[in-house]
């Protein structure tokens, strides 16, 4: 090589490209992981909000309830009570596919939660008359990233009239 020639040799260019490629590869992997984590967290937040909605509706009705049934056919959970002026109320929570609905005195009510995993191993309710406790377990999933949100809550309905 002549001393006056300026520029890079082929080896120098290949080394620079290899280093640049390595840096870009690591950075792109980090960006992909950040995007996946963000999407999974968003999915989990949506699922958790559905569990919170179900908890809110059921807790409000359970606090009024004087009777609880977990064995009514076609109904996930039933609350009954008589108001101070003798009006009877029946609130049913039931599934239509993976959606949980509320029905008051036989009238279709609002959608309470959706994306419910209706497998009884994960979504179920029970009534313990000895402790006056309703326990509800709910699992939700958008089935995008298999990110589940589970919620368990207990409510103590008011005692029945005369008991």
Protein backbone atom coordinates (compact mmCIF):
# COMPACT_ATOMS: atom_id res chain seq x y z
CA UNK A 1 0.00 0.00 0.00
CA UNK A 2 1.10 3.46 -0.67
CA UNK A 3 1.32 5.82 2.25
CA UNK A 4 -0.79 8.42 0.54
CA UNK A 5 -3.82 6.17 0.03
CA UNK A 6 -6.56 6.83 2.54
CA UNK A 7 -9.56 4.68 3.50
CA UNK A 8 -10.43 1.48 5.25
CA UNK A 9 -9.28 -1.99 4.47
CA UNK A 10 -11.75 -4.76 3.81
CA UNK A 11 -10.98 -6.36 7.19
CA UNK A 12 -11.65 -3.09 9.02
CA UNK A 13 -15.00 -2.74 7.25
CA UNK A 14 -16.00 -6.33 8.07
CA UNK A 15 -15.09 -5.89 11.74
CA UNK A 16 -17.10 -2.64 11.92
CA UNK A 17 -20.10 -4.34 10.30
CA UNK A 18 -19.89 -7.30 12.69
CA UNK A 19 -19.77 -5.01 15.73
CA UNK A 20 -22.65 -2.88 14.40
CA UNK A 21 -24.70 -6.00 13.62
CA UNK A 22 -24.16 -7.34 17.13
CA UNK A 23 -25.28 -4.08 18.70
CA UNK A 24 -28.38 -3.90 16.50
CA UNK A 25 -29.21 -7.56 17.28
CA UNK A 26 -29.07 -6.97 21.04
CA UNK A 27 -31.09 -3.76 20.77
CA UNK A 28 -33.80 -5.35 18.62
CA UNK A 29 -34.12 -8.25 21.08
CA UNK A 30 -34.57 -5.77 23.92
CA UNK A 31 -37.24 -3.85 21.98
CA UNK A 32 -39.15 -7.08 21.20
CA UNK A 33 -39.06 -8.11 24.88
CA UNK A 34 -40.33 -4.70 25.98
CA UNK A 35 -43.18 -4.87 23.48
CA UNK A 36 -44.17 -8.39 24.56
CA UNK A 37 -44.06 -7.48 28.25
CA UNK A 38 -46.17 -4.40 27.64
CA UNK A 39 -48.76 -6.41 25.73
CA UNK A 40 -48.87 -9.09 28.43
CA UNK A 41 -49.30 -6.48 31.15
CA UNK A 42 -52.10 -4.79 29.23
CA UNK A 43 -53.84 -8.14 28.83
CA UNK A 44 -53.44 -8.86 32.54
CA UNK A 45 -54.89 -5.43 33.40
CA UNK A 46 -57.95 -6.09 31.22
CA UNK A 47 -58.41 -9.50 32.83
CA UNK A 48 -58.03 -8.11 36.35
CA UNK A 49 -60.60 -5.38 35.63
CA UNK A 50 -63.12 -8.09 34.71
CA UNK A 51 -62.50 -9.85 38.03
CA UNK A 52 -62.95 -6.54 39.86
CA UNK A 53 -66.24 -5.87 38.04
CA UNK A 54 -67.61 -9.26 39.07
CA UNK A 55 -66.45 -8.68 42.63
CA UNK A 56 -68.15 -5.28 42.75
CA UNK A 57 -71.55 -6.43 41.49
CA UNK A 58 -71.67 -9.65 43.50
CA UNK A 59 -70.48 -8.00 46.71
CA UNK A 60 -73.16 -5.32 46.53
CA UNK A 61 -75.91 -7.90 46.02
CA UNK A 62 -74.48 -10.25 48.65
CA UNK A 63 -74.56 -7.51 51.28
CA UNK A 64 -78.32 -7.18 50.70
CA UNK A 65 -78.99 -10.91 50.43
CA UNK A 66 -80.86 -12.93 52.98
CA UNK A 67 -80.74 -16.10 50.92
CA UNK A 68 -77.95 -17.59 48.81
CA UNK A 69 -78.08 -20.44 46.33
CA UNK A 70 -75.22 -21.97 44.39
CA UNK A 71 -77.22 -24.96 43.11
CA UNK A 72 -79.93 -23.35 40.95
CA UNK A 73 -79.80 -24.94 37.46
CA UNK A 74 -78.44 -22.56 34.83
CA UNK A 75 -77.46 -20.00 37.45
CA UNK A 76 -73.92 -19.48 38.73
CA UNK A 77 -75.03 -17.68 41.90
CA UNK A 78 -78.42 -16.52 43.23
CA UNK A 79 -79.15 -13.96 45.93
CA UNK A 80 -82.62 -13.33 47.37
CA UNK A 81 -83.91 -10.82 49.90
CA UNK A 82 -87.00 -8.99 51.00
CA UNK A 83 -86.74 -5.22 51.24
CA UNK A 84 -87.95 -3.14 54.19
CA UNK A 85 -91.32 -2.58 52.47
CA UNK A 86 -91.93 -6.27 51.66
CA UNK A 87 -90.70 -6.26 48.04
CA UNK A 88 -88.94 -9.50 47.09
CA UNK A 89 -85.74 -9.44 45.03
CA UNK A 90 -83.95 -12.23 43.21
CA UNK A 91 -80.60 -11.60 41.55
CA UNK A 92 -79.14 -14.29 39.33
CA UNK A 93 -75.61 -14.36 37.96
CA UNK A 94 -75.32 -16.62 34.95
CA UNK A 95 -72.98 -17.34 32.06
CA UNK A 96 -73.67 -16.92 28.38
CA UNK A 97 -70.56 -18.37 26.80
CA UNK A 98 -67.66 -16.68 28.54
CA UNK A 99 -69.70 -13.67 29.65
CA UNK A 100 -71.17 -13.20 33.12
CA UNK A 101 -74.55 -11.45 33.29
CA UNK A 102 -76.75 -10.19 36.12
CA UNK A 103 -80.53 -10.69 36.08
CA UNK A 104 -82.77 -8.88 38.60
CA UNK A 105 -86.24 -10.36 39.18
CA UNK A 106 -86.10 -12.13 35.81
CA UNK A 107 -85.17 -8.97 33.86
CA UNK A 108 -81.94 -9.11 31.87
CA UNK A 109 -79.40 -6.83 33.44
CA UNK A 110 -75.92 -5.63 32.55
CA UNK A 111 -72.91 -7.55 31.38
CA UNK A 112 -70.88 -7.95 34.56
CA UNK A 113 -67.67 -9.44 33.17
CA UNK A 114 -66.39 -11.14 30.07
CA UNK A 115 -63.54 -13.43 29.05
CA UNK A 116 -64.38 -15.69 31.99
CA UNK A 117 -62.79 -19.12 32.04
CA UNK A 118 -65.89 -21.15 32.85
CA UNK A 119 -63.97 -24.26 33.86
CA UNK A 120 -65.37 -25.17 37.31
CA UNK A 121 -61.84 -25.85 38.54
CA UNK A 122 -61.08 -22.12 38.22
CA UNK A 123 -64.44 -20.32 38.26
CA UNK A 124 -66.78 -21.46 41.00
CA UNK A 125 -68.69 -20.31 44.05
CA UNK A 126 -69.66 -21.85 47.34
CA UNK A 127 -71.91 -21.05 50.26
CA UNK A 128 -70.99 -21.89 53.83
CA UNK A 129 -74.10 -21.53 56.00
CA UNK A 130 -72.16 -22.17 59.20
CA UNK A 131 -69.95 -19.09 58.70
CA UNK A 132 -72.49 -17.16 56.59
CA UNK A 133 -69.89 -16.74 53.83
CA UNK A 134 -70.12 -16.71 50.05
CA UNK A 135 -66.79 -17.51 48.38
CA UNK A 136 -66.38 -16.76 44.67
CA UNK A 137 -63.39 -17.73 42.52
CA UNK A 138 -63.13 -16.23 39.05
CA UNK A 139 -60.49 -16.63 36.35
CA UNK A 140 -60.38 -14.49 33.23
CA UNK A 141 -58.25 -14.64 30.10
CA UNK A 142 -58.25 -12.90 26.74
CA UNK A 143 -56.41 -15.98 25.38
CA UNK A 144 -53.88 -13.83 23.53
CA UNK A 145 -50.78 -14.48 25.62
CA UNK A 146 -52.34 -17.03 27.98
CA UNK A 147 -52.16 -14.41 30.71
CA UNK A 148 -54.75 -15.20 33.41
CA UNK A 149 -56.12 -13.10 36.21
CA UNK A 150 -57.56 -14.94 39.18
CA UNK A 151 -59.67 -13.45 41.91
CA UNK A 152 -61.13 -14.90 45.07
CA UNK A 153 -63.41 -12.91 47.30
CA UNK A 154 -65.64 -13.64 50.25
CA UNK A 155 -68.77 -11.83 51.33
CA UNK A 156 -70.93 -12.20 54.42
CA UNK A 157 -74.60 -11.61 53.51
CA UNK A 158 -76.89 -10.12 56.10
CA UNK A 159 -78.77 -12.61 58.28
CA UNK A 160 -82.18 -13.77 57.09
CA UNK A 161 -85.29 -12.36 58.69
CA UNK A 162 -85.97 -14.10 61.99
CA UNK A 163 -82.67 -15.94 61.92
